[in-house]
Structures are given as structure tokens and as C-alpha cells.
Amino acid sequence: MSFWEAIWNHAELRLLVRAVVVLLVAGVAARLAARLLVRATSGVSFVRQLSKQLQRPISWIVPLVALQLVLRAAADDIPLLGPARHLTALLLIALITWAATRVVRAVEKFIVLRHPVDVADNLRARRVQTQTRVLVRTMNLFLVFFGIAAMLTTFPGARQIGTGLMASAGVAGLAIGFAAKPVLGNLIAGIQIAMTQPIRLDDVVIVEGEWGRIEEITGTYVVVCIWDERRLIVPLQYFIEQPFQNWTRQTSSILGSVFLWTDYSLPLEPLKQELARLCESVPELWDGRVQVLQVTDATDKVIQLRALASSRNSSLNWDLRCFLREQLIAYINREHPECLPRTRATVSSATTHVSGEQI
């Protein structure tokens, strides 16, 4: 009897050979098909993004499906066939879950590419990207949950897990409930943020007294990039339950104020003309909408002046405010130094002599 005849007479060996051959052929075919599909699609189309995201999962799913068909077609009396079928089914569920998350990722990539934020008017793009990213993370969480649930249902005793947890509702159940409350709260908050959008990616916000931009929105927290390059990590629930400032809710344009304290004798009209000249000298900072100088307060010693100027965004407005403050102070020092804040004292007209010297 030859070697191949000996193999063919053993069902276990025949099954092993078939499984190896099917895995090799299906694996090579799946990889070639995935690469050809990626190359055949255009640069920014949804089909290309979908092909790129599914390239790796498909190269594993197709061979496992072929292997599962071989195992299902084999005789049931082969040793270890049952555990092999079960293991293959678990791997297939895990890979299908992975592929489903990659499909969602492809949708996110396609939408992000179609709505770039690196443009002048990016309000709509930031709104779309915020909704997409939050919903994608929420969807991925549900997909992973359903994948794990599907894998558990393949075990005979898995159906009793829920009943056992309900029967043991005591201290452990309360602890689990309290532990899961922040996770569920942040999940619901993420859905609310995606729908109502109190914040969006790249929004300028004031959170906990810190000025920064929304850099990232995850499924549980928000990353705020502060002006000095620190990162503030804030739970999603914070933006639902706590008040905060959003400087770019409707538009990025903003007004900035500069306060000065001067003497009552300062002539205001020349200072207003100087403010107008300064604003017009920096068109890259001033957007041409608002520039005004007003007396906003008066005490027994000084008057308070407020200069208002507008810019296209808060970063430019910060630079504009610093520029105006420096230049207006320099103007007063140069043109009207006697009008700087000073303290007046009333001195008696009588001349006082001490030891024959006039004081």
C-alpha cells in the first residue's frame, strides 16, 4: 500500500489534508481578490475605503468559511471534530465582528475625507465630523457587545448567565450597577452630543477656566488642547451636565476688549482716531466689522476706557488685543503723558516756614 493510499484510508488524515489545501487556496484567492479590488477603485470613493478596511478581515474570513464548510461536510464520528467546528465558529464570529467595525470605520473615513476641516469656513465640516466620530465609536461598542454575546450563545450554558446574574442581585449586583453607571452615562452623553452638538471638533471652549480647542471626542471623554499645549481630559457627561463657554458655536468671529485707565484730562477723539488707524494697519488681525472706543466707567481718580475690535477667530483676536493694548499705551505715553493715571492732592496756599527755610 502506498503512502497516499494509506492517508486516503484514514478519515482523519483525509480531513486534515482537505482542510490544509482549502485554507491555502482560499487564503491566497482572498488576498489576491482584496488587493485587486483596492487597486481597481478610485482614490476617494467609498468603495475604495471599504476595500482598504476589509482587505485584512476578508483574507481571514474567506479561508475560515471554506474550512467550516469542509468540517461540516465531514463525518460526525471523527475525533475532535466537534471542538474544531466550535473553535472555527468562534473565530468566524470574532472576524465578522472585526469586519463589521471596519465597515463602520470605512464610512467614517469616507465622510471625513469628503468634509475636510482645513478650510476657511469649516463649520459644517466640523459638525459632520463630530457626529460621525461619536456615532462610529458608539456603533463599534455595540458591535463588539453583540459579537461577544453571539460567541457566548455557542456555549450550552451561556443562556443561564443572565438568569444567574438576576438571581444574585444583591451587594454584588449593586456594585456592578454603580460601576457601570459612568460608562452608560458617558455612552448616552456621547449620543446626545452627536445629536445636539453643544461641542464639535476644533471648537474653541472655556472649560474649568482653561481656554482650548476640542481636539478629540472619544466614546467616554473629550480631549481639550489648551493654549499652552497641555491636554485637559473631560468626561463626556461634563458637557451635558455642567456649563461651559463655546466661542465657535455658530461662527468663529469674535469681539475682543482692551481696557485702559487714564486721567480725566485725556482727549478722547484723537485716541479714537488712533484706534481706527491701528486696526486698519493690521488687516490680517482685524476683520473690519467692529472697532470702537468707549468710556465704560469713571471713579473719583480715573476713567476706564474700553476698546472693542473684532477678528475672524479667537486666536487672531488675542493677537489683535495685545497689539492694540501695547500701541495705545505707547500713544498715550508719547502724545499725552500728563494724562496717565495720577493721584491729586490739595495743598494749602499758605507758605510754611521751618527754621527759616521754605518747604
Foldseek 3Di string as FASTA:
>chain_A
DDPVVVQVVDLVSVLVVVLVVLLVVQLVVLLVVLVVQLVVDDDQDLSNLLSVLCNVLSSPLRSLVSNLVSLVPGDPPDPPSVVVNLVSVLVNLVSVLSSVLSNLVSVLSSLCVVQDQPDLPRPVSQLSNLLSQLVSQLVNVVSVVVSVVVSLVSDPCSVCPVVVLVVPCDPVVVVVVVVCVLLVLLQVLSNVCNVVVPDTAQWFKQDPNFTFTFHDDHSFWTWTQGPVRDTDTGGSVCSVPDDIDTCQRPAQKDKDKAKDKWFPPDDVPVLLVVQVVLLVVCCVLAVPDDWDKDFDADDPFITMIMIMTMGRHDVSNVVVRVSSNVVSVVCCVPPPVVTGTDDDDDDDPDWDDDPNDTD
